[in-house]
Amino acid sequence: MVEERTTQAPQGNGQPTVIVTDSRRSGGSGWVIAVVLLIALVAGIVFLTRGSGSEAAKDNAIANAAGQVGDAAQKVGNAAEDAANKLND
């Protein structure tokens, strides 16, 4: 328990005024700050996890597109080879 005592100069009656302040009591602002920080932390985690999911989806889409381009190139190569074989025959 932390107590702070302040003594002021005597008033009209000749007695000093003693003011006792108990610092254990707070207005609850500590709890409000803690709740705000907790909400910000949860929001940050949600934002980061959703961002990672969309990044993975984008990477998968690029990989699929590259595979499709490779397949199309293979088909073009096969068609060119067939055309060259028909010209030689």
PDB file of N, CA and C in Angstrom:
ATOM      1  N   MET A   1       0.839  -1.163   0.000  1.00  0.00           N
ATOM      2  CA  MET A   1       0.000   0.000   0.000  1.00  0.00           C
ATOM      3  C   MET A   1       0.890   1.234   0.000  1.00  0.00           C
ATOM      4  N   VAL A   2       0.727   2.067  -0.993  1.00  0.00           N
ATOM      5  CA  VAL A   2       1.508   3.290  -1.106  1.00  0.00           C
ATOM      6  C   VAL A   2       0.623   4.455  -0.712  1.00  0.00           C
ATOM      7  N   GLU A   3       1.092   5.210   0.266  1.00  0.00           N
ATOM      8  CA  GLU A   3       0.364   6.376   0.725  1.00  0.00           C
ATOM      9  C   GLU A   3       1.247   7.589   0.602  1.00  0.00           C
ATOM     10  N   GLU A   4       0.673   8.697   0.240  1.00  0.00           N
ATOM     11  CA  GLU A   4       1.436   9.932   0.159  1.00  0.00           C
ATOM     12  C   GLU A   4       0.780  10.945   1.075  1.00  0.00           C
ATOM     13  N   ARG A   5       1.566  11.501   1.980  1.00  0.00           N
ATOM     14  CA  ARG A   5       1.040  12.492   2.921  1.00  0.00           C
ATOM     15  C   ARG A   5       1.626  13.856   2.581  1.00  0.00           C
ATOM     16  N   THR A   6       0.778  14.828   2.513  1.00  0.00           N
ATOM     17  CA  THR A   6       1.193  16.204   2.245  1.00  0.00           C
ATOM     18  C   THR A   6       0.692  17.074   3.384  1.00  0.00           C
ATOM     19  N   THR A   7       1.595  17.829   3.959  1.00  0.00           N
ATOM     20  CA  THR A   7       1.210  18.736   5.045  1.00  0.00           C
ATOM     21  C   THR A   7       1.287  20.166   4.534  1.00  0.00           C
ATOM     22  N   GLN A   8       0.217  20.896   4.730  1.00  0.00           N
ATOM     23  CA  GLN A   8       0.183  22.286   4.293  1.00  0.00           C
ATOM     24  C   GLN A   8       0.305  23.205   5.508  1.00  0.00           C
ATOM     25  N   ALA A   9       0.623  24.440   5.242  1.00  0.00           N
ATOM     26  CA  ALA A   9       0.799  25.430   6.316  1.00  0.00           C
ATOM     27  C   ALA A   9      -0.478  25.568   7.136  1.00  0.00           C
ATOM     28  N   PRO A  10      -0.340  25.940   8.381  1.00  0.00           N
ATOM     29  CA  PRO A  10      -1.521  26.091   9.242  1.00  0.00           C
ATOM     30  C   PRO A  10      -2.517  27.097   8.673  1.00  0.00           C
ATOM     31  N   GLN A  11      -3.781  26.775   8.875  1.00  0.00           N
ATOM     32  CA  GLN A  11      -4.852  27.660   8.442  1.00  0.00           C
ATOM     33  C   GLN A  11      -5.201  28.612   9.577  1.00  0.00           C
ATOM     34  N   GLY A  12      -6.329  29.225   9.486  1.00  0.00           N
ATOM     35  CA  GLY A  12      -6.745  30.214  10.475  1.00  0.00           C
ATOM     36  C   GLY A  12      -6.827  29.669  11.890  1.00  0.00           C
ATOM     37  N   ASN A  13      -7.062  28.370  12.052  1.00  0.00           N
ATOM     38  CA  ASN A  13      -7.213  27.819  13.388  1.00  0.00           C
ATOM     39  C   ASN A  13      -5.870  27.396  13.996  1.00  0.00           C
ATOM     40  N   GLY A  14      -4.761  27.529  13.271  1.00  0.00           N
ATOM     41  CA  GLY A  14      -3.439  27.192  13.789  1.00  0.00           C
ATOM     42  C   GLY A  14      -3.030  25.758  13.573  1.00  0.00           C
ATOM     43  N   GLN A  15      -3.909  24.919  13.055  1.00  0.00           N
ATOM     44  CA  GLN A  15      -3.588  23.516  12.820  1.00  0.00           C
ATOM     45  C   GLN A  15      -3.185  23.305  11.358  1.00  0.00           C
ATOM     46  N   PRO A  16      -2.105  22.512  11.101  1.00  0.00           N
ATOM     47  CA  PRO A  16      -1.747  22.230   9.710  1.00  0.00           C
ATOM     48  C   PRO A  16      -2.778  21.303   9.067  1.00  0.00           C
ATOM     49  N   THR A  17      -2.912  21.410   7.766  1.00  0.00           N
ATOM     50  CA  THR A  17      -3.825  20.549   7.027  1.00  0.00           C
ATOM     51  C   THR A  17      -3.028  19.381   6.456  1.00  0.00           C
ATOM     52  N   VAL A  18      -3.471  18.165   6.735  1.00  0.00           N
ATOM     53  CA  VAL A  18      -2.797  16.964   6.238  1.00  0.00           C
ATOM     54  C   VAL A  18      -3.684  16.344   5.164  1.00  0.00           C
ATOM     55  N   ILE A  19      -3.100  16.153   3.975  1.00  0.00           N
ATOM     56  CA  ILE A  19      -3.834  15.535   2.861  1.00  0.00           C
ATOM     57  C   ILE A  19      -3.205  14.178   2.613  1.00  0.00           C
ATOM     58  N   VAL A  20      -3.995  13.116   2.694  1.00  0.00           N
ATOM     59  CA  VAL A  20      -3.518  11.753   2.478  1.00  0.00           C
ATOM     60  C   VAL A  20      -4.051  11.276   1.138  1.00  0.00           C
ATOM     61  N   THR A  21      -3.133  10.849   0.276  1.00  0.00           N
ATOM     62  CA  THR A  21      -3.505  10.351  -1.043  1.00  0.00           C
ATOM     63  C   THR A  21      -3.150   8.875  -1.114  1.00  0.00           C
ATOM     64  N   ASP A  22      -4.107   8.045  -1.443  1.00  0.00           N
ATOM     65  CA  ASP A  22      -3.880   6.604  -1.589  1.00  0.00           C
ATOM     66  C   ASP A  22      -3.748   6.316  -3.071  1.00  0.00           C
ATOM     67  N   SER A  23      -2.547   5.921  -3.522  1.00  0.00           N
ATOM     68  CA  SER A  23      -2.307   5.734  -4.954  1.00  0.00           C
ATOM     69  C   SER A  23      -2.775   4.378  -5.466  1.00  0.00           C
ATOM     70  N   ARG A  24      -3.318   3.537  -4.612  1.00  0.00           N
ATOM     71  CA  ARG A  24      -3.820   2.240  -5.075  1.00  0.00           C
ATOM     72  C   ARG A  24      -5.094   2.392  -5.886  1.00  0.00           C
ATOM     73  N   ARG A  25      -5.819   3.426  -5.656  1.00  0.00           N
ATOM     74  CA  ARG A  25      -7.076   3.627  -6.367  1.00  0.00           C
ATOM     75  C   ARG A  25      -6.790   4.257  -7.717  1.00  0.00           C
ATOM     76  N   SER A  26      -7.372   3.687  -8.734  1.00  0.00           N
ATOM     77  CA  SER A  26      -7.226   4.259 -10.068  1.00  0.00           C
ATOM     78  C   SER A  26      -8.599   4.374 -10.697  1.00  0.00           C
ATOM     79  N   GLY A  27      -8.685   5.150 -11.735  1.00  0.00           N
ATOM     80  CA  GLY A  27      -9.962   5.374 -12.393  1.00  0.00           C
ATOM     81  C   GLY A  27     -10.336   4.295 -13.391  1.00  0.00           C
ATOM     82  N   GLY A  28      -9.556   3.239 -13.503  1.00  0.00           N
ATOM     83  CA  GLY A  28      -9.851   2.176 -14.443  1.00  0.00           C
ATOM     84  C   GLY A  28      -9.259   2.410 -15.812  1.00  0.00           C
ATOM     85  N   SER A  29      -8.468   3.447 -15.957  1.00  0.00           N
ATOM     86  CA  SER A  29      -7.895   3.730 -17.275  1.00  0.00           C
ATOM     87  C   SER A  29      -6.898   2.649 -17.690  1.00  0.00           C
ATOM     88  N   GLY A  30      -6.282   1.983 -16.744  1.00  0.00           N
ATOM     89  CA  GLY A  30      -5.368   0.883 -17.070  1.00  0.00           C
ATOM     90  C   GLY A  30      -6.089  -0.256 -17.772  1.00  0.00           C
ATOM     91  N   TRP A  31      -7.297  -0.556 -17.297  1.00  0.00           N
ATOM     92  CA  TRP A  31      -8.089  -1.617 -17.929  1.00  0.00           C
ATOM     93  C   TRP A  31      -8.530  -1.227 -19.333  1.00  0.00           C
ATOM     94  N   VAL A  32      -8.897   0.020 -19.502  1.00  0.00           N
ATOM     95  CA  VAL A  32      -9.328   0.489 -20.827  1.00  0.00           C
ATOM     96  C   VAL A  32      -8.171   0.380 -21.823  1.00  0.00           C
ATOM     97  N   ILE A  33      -6.982   0.796 -21.411  1.00  0.00           N
ATOM     98  CA  ILE A  33      -5.815   0.707 -22.293  1.00  0.00           C
ATOM     99  C   ILE A  33      -5.504  -0.745 -22.621  1.00  0.00           C
ATOM    100  N   ALA A  34      -5.608  -1.632 -21.623  1.00  0.00           N
ATOM    101  CA  ALA A  34      -5.334  -3.054 -21.855  1.00  0.00           C
ATOM    102  C   ALA A  34      -6.325  -3.654 -22.855  1.00  0.00           C
ATOM    103  N   VAL A  35      -7.592  -3.291 -22.740  1.00  0.00           N
ATOM    104  CA  VAL A  35      -8.611  -3.822 -23.661  1.00  0.00           C
ATOM    105  C   VAL A  35      -8.377  -3.296 -25.075  1.00  0.00           C
ATOM    106  N   VAL A  36      -8.044  -2.015 -25.201  1.00  0.00           N
ATOM    107  CA  VAL A  36      -7.773  -1.442 -26.525  1.00  0.00           C
ATOM    108  C   VAL A  36      -6.569  -2.127 -27.170  1.00  0.00           C
ATOM    109  N   LEU A  37      -5.514  -2.354 -26.386  1.00  0.00           N
ATOM    110  CA  LEU A  37      -4.336  -3.042 -26.926  1.00  0.00           C
ATOM    111  C   LEU A  37      -4.658  -4.470 -27.342  1.00  0.00           C
ATOM    112  N   LEU A  38      -5.480  -5.158 -26.568  1.00  0.00           N
ATOM    113  CA  LEU A  38      -5.877  -6.526 -26.910  1.00  0.00           C
ATOM    114  C   LEU A  38      -6.678  -6.556 -28.211  1.00  0.00           C
ATOM    115  N   ILE A  39      -7.594  -5.611 -28.379  1.00  0.00           N
ATOM    116  CA  ILE A  39      -8.388  -5.548 -29.613  1.00  0.00           C
ATOM    117  C   ILE A  39      -7.480  -5.255 -30.804  1.00  0.00           C
ATOM    118  N   ALA A  40      -6.515  -4.353 -30.634  1.00  0.00           N
ATOM    119  CA  ALA A  40      -5.590  -4.036 -31.724  1.00  0.00           C
ATOM    120  C   ALA A  40      -4.740  -5.248 -32.077  1.00  0.00           C
ATOM    121  N   LEU A  41      -4.323  -6.013 -31.083  1.00  0.00           N
ATOM    122  CA  LEU A  41      -3.527  -7.217 -31.332  1.00  0.00           C
ATOM    123  C   LEU A  41      -4.321  -8.254 -32.115  1.00  0.00           C
ATOM    124  N   VAL A  42      -5.551  -8.486 -31.715  1.00  0.00           N
ATOM    125  CA  VAL A  42      -6.403  -9.463 -32.419  1.00  0.00           C
ATOM    126  C   VAL A  42      -6.662  -8.998 -33.852  1.00  0.00           C
ATOM    127  N   ALA A  43      -6.936  -7.716 -34.046  1.00  0.00           N
ATOM    128  CA  ALA A  43      -7.177  -7.197 -35.389  1.00  0.00           C
ATOM    129  C   ALA A  43      -5.929  -7.351 -36.259  1.00  0.00           C
ATOM    130  N   GLY A  44      -4.754  -7.106 -35.702  1.00  0.00           N
ATOM    131  CA  GLY A  44      -3.511  -7.284 -36.455  1.00  0.00           C
ATOM    132  C   GLY A  44      -3.288  -8.718 -36.861  1.00  0.00           C
ATOM    133  N   ILE A  45      -3.563  -9.654 -35.957  1.00  0.00           N
ATOM    134  CA  ILE A  45      -3.391 -11.075 -36.277  1.00  0.00           C
ATOM    135  C   ILE A  45      -4.349 -11.495 -37.382  1.00  0.00           C
ATOM    136  N   VAL A  46      -5.597 -11.061 -37.295  1.00  0.00           N
ATOM    137  CA  VAL A  46      -6.587 -11.397 -38.332  1.00  0.00           C
ATOM    138  C   VAL A  46      -6.160 -10.826 -39.680  1.00  0.00           C
ATOM    139  N   PHE A  47      -5.707  -9.585 -39.685  1.00  0.00           N
ATOM    140  CA  PHE A  47      -5.278  -8.941 -40.920  1.00  0.00           C
ATOM    141  C   PHE A  47      -4.103  -9.690 -41.551  1.00  0.00           C
ATOM    142  N   LEU A  48      -3.121 -10.084 -40.738  1.00  0.00           N
ATOM    143  CA  LEU A  48      -1.949 -10.770 -41.265  1.00  0.00           C
ATOM    144  C   LEU A  48      -2.280 -12.164 -41.782  1.00  0.00           C
ATOM    145  N   THR A  49      -3.162 -12.896 -41.089  1.00  0.00           N
ATOM    146  CA  THR A  49      -3.496 -14.238 -41.552  1.00  0.00           C
ATOM    147  C   THR A  49      -4.306 -14.197 -42.844  1.00  0.00           C
ATOM    148  N   ARG A  50      -5.169 -13.215 -42.991  1.00  0.00           N
ATOM    149  CA  ARG A  50      -5.924 -13.099 -44.243  1.00  0.00           C
ATOM    150  C   ARG A  50      -5.015 -12.684 -45.384  1.00  0.00           C
ATOM    151  N   GLY A  51      -4.039 -11.854 -45.106  1.00  0.00           N
ATOM    152  CA  GLY A  51      -3.084 -11.440 -46.127  1.00  0.00           C
ATOM    153  C   GLY A  51      -2.241 -12.609 -46.599  1.00  0.00           C
ATOM    154  N   SER A  52      -1.861 -13.489 -45.687  1.00  0.00           N
ATOM    155  CA  SER A  52      -1.061 -14.658 -46.060  1.00  0.00           C
ATOM    156  C   SER A  52      -1.864 -15.605 -46.935  1.00  0.00           C
ATOM    157  N   GLY A  53      -3.138 -15.765 -46.644  1.00  0.00           N
ATOM    158  CA  GLY A  53      -3.990 -16.650 -47.440  1.00  0.00           C
ATOM    159  C   GLY A  53      -4.145 -16.144 -48.863  1.00  0.00           C
ATOM    160  N   SER A  54      -4.322 -14.849 -49.030  1.00  0.00           N
ATOM    161  CA  SER A  54      -4.481 -14.312 -50.376  1.00  0.00           C
ATOM    162  C   SER A  54      -3.163 -14.377 -51.142  1.00  0.00           C
ATOM    163  N   GLU A  55      -2.046 -14.246 -50.434  1.00  0.00           N
ATOM    164  CA  GLU A  55      -0.731 -14.358 -51.080  1.00  0.00           C
ATOM    165  C   GLU A  55      -0.520 -15.784 -51.593  1.00  0.00           C
ATOM    166  N   ALA A  56      -0.911 -16.774 -50.822  1.00  0.00           N
ATOM    167  CA  ALA A  56      -0.771 -18.169 -51.246  1.00  0.00           C
ATOM    168  C   ALA A  56      -1.686 -18.456 -52.439  1.00  0.00           C
ATOM    169  N   ALA A  57      -2.895 -17.910 -52.430  1.00  0.00           N
ATOM    170  CA  ALA A  57      -3.815 -18.119 -53.548  1.00  0.00           C
ATOM    171  C   ALA A  57      -3.260 -17.495 -54.823  1.00  0.00           C
ATOM    172  N   LYS A  58      -2.649 -16.324 -54.685  1.00  0.00           N
ATOM    173  CA  LYS A  58      -2.050 -15.666 -55.855  1.00  0.00           C
ATOM    174  C   LYS A  58      -0.889 -16.496 -56.396  1.00  0.00           C
ATOM    175  N   ASP A  59      -0.057 -17.032 -55.505  1.00  0.00           N
ATOM    176  CA  ASP A  59       1.061 -17.873 -55.937  1.00  0.00           C
ATOM    177  C   ASP A  59       0.572 -19.129 -56.659  1.00  0.00           C
ATOM    178  N   ASN A  60      -0.486 -19.733 -56.142  1.00  0.00           N
ATOM    179  CA  ASN A  60      -1.049 -20.925 -56.786  1.00  0.00           C
ATOM    180  C   ASN A  60      -1.619 -20.600 -58.162  1.00  0.00           C
ATOM    181  N   ALA A  61      -2.270 -19.452 -58.289  1.00  0.00           N
ATOM    182  CA  ALA A  61      -2.825 -19.057 -59.583  1.00  0.00           C
ATOM    183  C   ALA A  61      -1.709 -18.837 -60.604  1.00  0.00           C
ATOM    184  N   ILE A  62      -0.613 -18.234 -60.180  1.00  0.00           N
ATOM    185  CA  ILE A  62       0.521 -18.010 -61.092  1.00  0.00           C
ATOM    186  C   ILE A  62       1.130 -19.337 -61.509  1.00  0.00           C
ATOM    187  N   ALA A  63       1.256 -20.265 -60.568  1.00  0.00           N
ATOM    188  CA  ALA A  63       1.828 -21.576 -60.888  1.00  0.00           C
ATOM    189  C   ALA A  63       0.933 -22.329 -61.878  1.00  0.00           C
ATOM    190  N   ASN A  64      -0.382 -22.252 -61.675  1.00  0.00           N
ATOM    191  CA  ASN A  64      -1.310 -22.921 -62.602  1.00  0.00           C
ATOM    192  C   ASN A  64      -1.235 -22.296 -63.989  1.00  0.00           C
ATOM    193  N   ALA A  65      -1.151 -20.977 -64.052  1.00  0.00           N
ATOM    194  CA  ALA A  65      -1.058 -20.304 -65.346  1.00  0.00           C
ATOM    195  C   ALA A  65       0.228 -20.688 -66.062  1.00  0.00           C
ATOM    196  N   ALA A  66       1.322 -20.782 -65.320  1.00  0.00           N
ATOM    197  CA  ALA A  66       2.592 -21.185 -65.930  1.00  0.00           C
ATOM    198  C   ALA A  66       2.508 -22.610 -66.463  1.00  0.00           C
ATOM    199  N   GLY A  67       1.841 -23.472 -65.726  1.00  0.00           N
ATOM    200  CA  GLY A  67       1.660 -24.850 -66.197  1.00  0.00           C
ATOM    201  C   GLY A  67       0.833 -24.905 -67.470  1.00  0.00           C
ATOM    202  N   GLN A  68      -0.210 -24.088 -67.536  1.00  0.00           N
ATOM    203  CA  GLN A  68      -1.048 -24.056 -68.732  1.00  0.00           C
ATOM    204  C   GLN A  68      -0.280 -23.506 -69.933  1.00  0.00           C
ATOM    205  N   VAL A  69       0.570 -22.508 -69.706  1.00  0.00           N
ATOM    206  CA  VAL A  69       1.392 -21.979 -70.800  1.00  0.00           C
ATOM    207  C   VAL A  69       2.355 -23.058 -71.292  1.00  0.00           C
ATOM    208  N   GLY A  70       2.914 -23.812 -70.358  1.00  0.00           N
ATOM    209  CA  GLY A  70       3.805 -24.908 -70.740  1.00  0.00           C
ATOM    210  C   GLY A  70       3.090 -25.964 -71.559  1.00  0.00           C
ATOM    211  N   ASP A  71       1.873 -26.320 -71.168  1.00  0.00           N
ATOM    212  CA  ASP A  71       1.083 -27.302 -71.923  1.00  0.00           C
ATOM    213  C   ASP A  71       0.760 -26.781 -73.326  1.00  0.00           C
ATOM    214  N   ALA A  72       0.398 -25.503 -73.420  1.00  0.00           N
ATOM    215  CA  ALA A  72       0.085 -24.915 -74.720  1.00  0.00           C
ATOM    216  C   ALA A  72       1.322 -24.906 -75.619  1.00  0.00           C
ATOM    217  N   ALA A  73       2.485 -24.598 -75.039  1.00  0.00           N
ATOM    218  CA  ALA A  73       3.726 -24.615 -75.825  1.00  0.00           C
ATOM    219  C   ALA A  73       4.028 -26.015 -76.321  1.00  0.00           C
ATOM    220  N   GLN A  74       3.764 -27.014 -75.495  1.00  0.00           N
ATOM    221  CA  GLN A  74       3.987 -28.413 -75.907  1.00  0.00           C
ATOM    222  C   GLN A  74       3.069 -28.775 -77.080  1.00  0.00           C
ATOM    223  N   LYS A  75       1.803 -28.338 -77.009  1.00  0.00           N
ATOM    224  CA  LYS A  75       0.872 -28.627 -78.092  1.00  0.00           C
ATOM    225  C   LYS A  75       1.299 -27.936 -79.386  1.00  0.00           C
ATOM    226  N   VAL A  76       1.765 -26.703 -79.296  1.00  0.00           N
ATOM    227  CA  VAL A  76       2.238 -25.982 -80.481  1.00  0.00           C
ATOM    228  C   VAL A  76       3.451 -26.696 -81.070  1.00  0.00           C
ATOM    229  N   GLY A  77       4.326 -27.151 -80.191  1.00  0.00           N
ATOM    230  CA  GLY A  77       5.504 -27.891 -80.671  1.00  0.00           C
ATOM    231  C   GLY A  77       5.106 -29.176 -81.371  1.00  0.00           C
ATOM    232  N   ASN A  78       4.165 -29.899 -80.819  1.00  0.00           N
ATOM    233  CA  ASN A  78       3.695 -31.139 -81.447  1.00  0.00           C
ATOM    234  C   ASN A  78       3.040 -30.855 -82.800  1.00  0.00           C
ATOM    235  N   ALA A  79       2.250 -29.792 -82.874  1.00  0.00           N
ATOM    236  CA  ALA A  79       1.597 -29.445 -84.133  1.00  0.00           C
ATOM    237  C   ALA A  79       2.631 -29.055 -85.183  1.00  0.00           C
ATOM    238  N   ALA A  80       3.663 -28.320 -84.786  1.00  0.00           N
ATOM    239  CA  ALA A  80       4.713 -27.942 -85.741  1.00  0.00           C
ATOM    240  C   ALA A  80       5.465 -29.171 -86.222  1.00  0.00           C
ATOM    241  N   GLU A  81       5.708 -30.097 -85.333  1.00  0.00           N
ATOM    242  CA  GLU A  81       6.404 -31.337 -85.729  1.00  0.00           C
ATOM    243  C   GLU A  81       5.554 -32.152 -86.689  1.00  0.00           C
ATOM    244  N   ASP A  82       4.255 -32.235 -86.418  1.00  0.00           N
ATOM    245  CA  ASP A  82       3.362 -32.960 -87.332  1.00  0.00           C
ATOM    246  C   ASP A  82       3.323 -32.300 -88.701  1.00  0.00           C
ATOM    247  N   ALA A  83       3.295 -30.967 -88.729  1.00  0.00           N
ATOM    248  CA  ALA A  83       3.282 -30.242 -90.007  1.00  0.00           C
ATOM    249  C   ALA A  83       4.576 -30.479 -90.763  1.00  0.00           C
ATOM    250  N   ALA A  84       5.688 -30.490 -90.063  1.00  0.00           N
ATOM    251  CA  ALA A  84       6.983 -30.732 -90.738  1.00  0.00           C
ATOM    252  C   ALA A  84       7.027 -32.152 -91.274  1.00  0.00           C
ATOM    253  N   ASN A  85       6.501 -33.113 -90.556  1.00  0.00           N
ATOM    254  CA  ASN A  85       6.481 -34.509 -91.023  1.00  0.00           C
ATOM    255  C   ASN A  85       5.609 -34.653 -92.264  1.00  0.00           C
ATOM    256  N   LYS A  86       4.489 -33.925 -92.318  1.00  0.00           N
ATOM    257  CA  LYS A  86       3.597 -34.023 -93.475  1.00  0.00           C
ATOM    258  C   LYS A  86       4.270 -33.394 -94.697  1.00  0.00           C
ATOM    259  N   LEU A  87       5.065 -32.331 -94.511  1.00  0.00           N
ATOM    260  CA  LEU A  87       5.767 -31.716 -95.627  1.00  0.00           C
ATOM    261  C   LEU A  87       6.850 -32.655 -96.166  1.00  0.00           C
ATOM    262  N   ASN A  88       7.492 -33.400 -95.292  1.00  0.00           N
ATOM    263  CA  ASN A  88       8.555 -34.314 -95.712  1.00  0.00           C
ATOM    264  C   ASN A  88       7.998 -35.549 -96.396  1.00  0.00           C
ATOM    265  N   ASP A  89       6.783 -35.906 -96.131  1.00  0.00           N
ATOM    266  CA  ASP A  89       6.199 -37.109 -96.725  1.00  0.00           C
ATOM    267  C   ASP A  89       5.747 -36.894 -98.109  1.00  0.00           C
TER     268      ASP A  89
END
